[in-house]
Amino acid sequence: MSPLLQRIYKSDNGSELCDTLMKYLYKGMGQGSNTAAHPSGNTGAGGRNLTPQATGGFTQASGRNFGGGEGGMSVFLSWHEKLVEMVGPGSIVRVMSDRRTV
């Protein structure tokens, strides 16, 4: 995981790409074990919600089955920990300040 994150971070616009990855990690963590049906009726494996979005090359974590429950959350937390080690806590601040409320 670390070599992949290093390649992303050292690439052109690496900091922005890492912020985008952080955004999707938080999105995945936010969905957790929520199995309620989405108003549009789009549900994926394990009853997780799927919302079509342009993701700039990243696949949506909600469409993947990470084992559900606590096991699935640990995957997101592992990526989060490594990403913060690599780019620092500024990524968290940028992602949280960029959140839009609807």
C-alpha atoms as a PDB file:
ATOM      1  CA  MET A   1       0.000   0.000   0.000  1.00  0.00           C
ATOM      2  CA  SER A   2       2.798   2.442   0.875  1.00  0.00           C
ATOM      3  CA  PRO A   3       4.618   2.138  -2.494  1.00  0.00           C
ATOM      4  CA  LEU A   4       1.342   2.818  -4.329  1.00  0.00           C
ATOM      5  CA  LEU A   5       0.606   5.877  -2.192  1.00  0.00           C
ATOM      6  CA  GLN A   6       4.157   7.154  -2.724  1.00  0.00           C
ATOM      7  CA  ARG A   7       3.767   6.892  -6.503  1.00  0.00           C
ATOM      8  CA  ILE A   8       0.469   8.762  -6.353  1.00  0.00           C
ATOM      9  CA  TYR A   9       1.886  11.465  -4.080  1.00  0.00           C
ATOM     10  CA  LYS A  10       5.012  11.988  -6.207  1.00  0.00           C
ATOM     11  CA  SER A  11       3.061  12.190  -9.481  1.00  0.00           C
ATOM     12  CA  ASP A  12       1.838  15.416 -11.092  1.00  0.00           C
ATOM     13  CA  ASN A  13      -0.902  16.911  -8.893  1.00  0.00           C
ATOM     14  CA  GLY A  14      -0.106  14.216  -6.310  1.00  0.00           C
ATOM     15  CA  SER A  15      -1.324  16.259  -3.372  1.00  0.00           C
ATOM     16  CA  GLU A  16      -4.697  16.821  -5.043  1.00  0.00           C
ATOM     17  CA  LEU A  17      -4.965  13.117  -5.922  1.00  0.00           C
ATOM     18  CA  CYS A  18      -4.271  12.184  -2.310  1.00  0.00           C
ATOM     19  CA  ASP A  19      -6.964  14.614  -1.153  1.00  0.00           C
ATOM     20  CA  THR A  20      -9.393  12.961  -3.589  1.00  0.00           C
ATOM     21  CA  LEU A  21      -8.466   9.531  -2.252  1.00  0.00           C
ATOM     22  CA  MET A  22      -9.010  10.819   1.296  1.00  0.00           C
ATOM     23  CA  LYS A  23     -12.448  12.095   0.261  1.00  0.00           C
ATOM     24  CA  TYR A  24     -13.433   8.650  -0.987  1.00  0.00           C
ATOM     25  CA  LEU A  25     -12.057   6.948   2.115  1.00  0.00           C
ATOM     26  CA  TYR A  26     -14.324   9.144   4.223  1.00  0.00           C
ATOM     27  CA  LYS A  27     -17.236   8.435   1.900  1.00  0.00           C
ATOM     28  CA  GLY A  28     -16.653   4.702   2.305  1.00  0.00           C
ATOM     29  CA  MET A  29     -16.331   4.983   6.075  1.00  0.00           C
ATOM     30  CA  GLY A  30     -19.521   7.019   6.188  1.00  0.00           C
ATOM     31  CA  GLN A  31     -21.482   4.294   4.467  1.00  0.00           C
ATOM     32  CA  GLY A  32     -20.279   1.699   6.991  1.00  0.00           C
ATOM     33  CA  SER A  33     -22.822  -1.027   7.498  1.00  0.00           C
ATOM     34  CA  ASN A  34     -25.789   1.128   6.418  1.00  0.00           C
ATOM     35  CA  THR A  35     -28.036  -1.228   4.473  1.00  0.00           C
ATOM     36  CA  ALA A  36     -31.027   1.078   4.044  1.00  0.00           C
ATOM     37  CA  ALA A  37     -32.317   1.319   0.499  1.00  0.00           C
ATOM     38  CA  HIS A  38     -31.270   4.403  -1.425  1.00  0.00           C
ATOM     39  CA  PRO A  39     -34.227   6.551  -2.581  1.00  0.00           C
ATOM     40  CA  SER A  40     -33.272   5.827  -6.187  1.00  0.00           C
ATOM     41  CA  GLY A  41     -33.357   2.095  -5.515  1.00  0.00           C
ATOM     42  CA  ASN A  42     -29.684   1.636  -6.475  1.00  0.00           C
ATOM     43  CA  THR A  43     -28.140  -0.872  -4.118  1.00  0.00           C
ATOM     44  CA  GLY A  44     -25.008  -2.901  -4.573  1.00  0.00           C
ATOM     45  CA  ALA A  45     -23.523  -6.007  -3.023  1.00  0.00           C
ATOM     46  CA  GLY A  46     -24.518  -6.380   0.612  1.00  0.00           C
ATOM     47  CA  GLY A  47     -27.280  -3.790   0.258  1.00  0.00           C
ATOM     48  CA  ARG A  48     -24.824  -0.919  -0.002  1.00  0.00           C
ATOM     49  CA  ASN A  49     -25.929   2.175  -1.862  1.00  0.00           C
ATOM     50  CA  LEU A  50     -24.561   2.872  -5.339  1.00  0.00           C
ATOM     51  CA  THR A  51     -24.758   6.328  -6.821  1.00  0.00           C
ATOM     52  CA  PRO A  52     -23.296   6.815 -10.300  1.00  0.00           C
ATOM     53  CA  GLN A  53     -20.630   9.513 -10.236  1.00  0.00           C
ATOM     54  CA  ALA A  54     -17.686  10.613 -12.308  1.00  0.00           C
ATOM     55  CA  THR A  55     -14.771   9.704 -10.070  1.00  0.00           C
ATOM     56  CA  GLY A  56     -11.761  10.745 -12.119  1.00  0.00           C
ATOM     57  CA  GLY A  57     -10.440   7.229 -12.446  1.00  0.00           C
ATOM     58  CA  PHE A  58     -11.171   6.001  -8.934  1.00  0.00           C
ATOM     59  CA  THR A  59     -13.805   3.305  -8.464  1.00  0.00           C
ATOM     60  CA  GLN A  60     -16.431   3.822  -5.821  1.00  0.00           C
ATOM     61  CA  ALA A  61     -15.708   1.958  -2.621  1.00  0.00           C
ATOM     62  CA  SER A  62     -19.427   1.463  -2.023  1.00  0.00           C
ATOM     63  CA  GLY A  63     -19.593  -0.985  -4.913  1.00  0.00           C
ATOM     64  CA  ARG A  64     -16.945  -3.210  -3.391  1.00  0.00           C
ATOM     65  CA  ASN A  65     -17.499  -5.847  -0.743  1.00  0.00           C
ATOM     66  CA  PHE A  66     -14.846  -5.427   1.951  1.00  0.00           C
ATOM     67  CA  GLY A  67     -16.401  -8.007   4.229  1.00  0.00           C
ATOM     68  CA  GLY A  68     -18.885  -5.624   5.821  1.00  0.00           C
ATOM     69  CA  GLY A  69     -19.082  -4.447   9.402  1.00  0.00           C
ATOM     70  CA  GLU A  70     -15.927  -3.959  11.431  1.00  0.00           C
ATOM     71  CA  GLY A  71     -13.711  -5.888   8.981  1.00  0.00           C
ATOM     72  CA  GLY A  72     -14.632  -3.525   6.158  1.00  0.00           C
ATOM     73  CA  MET A  73     -13.989  -0.459   8.279  1.00  0.00           C
ATOM     74  CA  SER A  74     -10.488  -1.672   9.120  1.00  0.00           C
ATOM     75  CA  VAL A  75      -9.559  -1.550   5.424  1.00  0.00           C
ATOM     76  CA  PHE A  76     -10.598   2.100   5.211  1.00  0.00           C
ATOM     77  CA  LEU A  77      -8.781   2.913   8.458  1.00  0.00           C
ATOM     78  CA  SER A  78      -5.575   1.229   7.245  1.00  0.00           C
ATOM     79  CA  TRP A  79      -5.588   3.287   4.045  1.00  0.00           C
ATOM     80  CA  HIS A  80      -6.421   6.417   6.049  1.00  0.00           C
ATOM     81  CA  GLU A  81      -3.522   5.838   8.454  1.00  0.00           C
ATOM     82  CA  LYS A  82      -0.990   5.291   5.649  1.00  0.00           C
ATOM     83  CA  LEU A  83      -2.263   8.279   3.703  1.00  0.00           C
ATOM     84  CA  VAL A  84      -1.981  10.609   6.721  1.00  0.00           C
ATOM     85  CA  GLU A  85       1.552   9.312   7.384  1.00  0.00           C
ATOM     86  CA  MET A  86       2.445  10.149   3.787  1.00  0.00           C
ATOM     87  CA  VAL A  87       0.807  13.553   3.244  1.00  0.00           C
ATOM     88  CA  GLY A  88       0.173  14.776   6.787  1.00  0.00           C
ATOM     89  CA  PRO A  89      -2.994  15.929   8.525  1.00  0.00           C
ATOM     90  CA  GLY A  90      -3.457  18.816   6.084  1.00  0.00           C
ATOM     91  CA  SER A  91      -5.285  16.452   3.753  1.00  0.00           C
ATOM     92  CA  ILE A  92      -7.903  15.813   6.441  1.00  0.00           C
ATOM     93  CA  VAL A  93      -8.379  19.550   6.956  1.00  0.00           C
ATOM     94  CA  ARG A  94      -8.698  20.223   3.208  1.00  0.00           C
ATOM     95  CA  VAL A  95     -11.215  17.429   2.708  1.00  0.00           C
ATOM     96  CA  MET A  96     -13.334  18.445   5.690  1.00  0.00           C
ATOM     97  CA  SER A  97     -13.320  22.123   4.740  1.00  0.00           C
ATOM     98  CA  ASP A  98     -14.328  21.242   1.186  1.00  0.00           C
ATOM     99  CA  ARG A  99     -17.414  19.285   2.257  1.00  0.00           C
ATOM    100  CA  ARG A 100     -20.594  20.613   0.766  1.00  0.00           C
ATOM    101  CA  THR A 101     -23.895  20.424   2.594  1.00  0.00           C
ATOM    102  CA  VAL A 102     -27.030  19.866   0.604  1.00  0.00           C
END
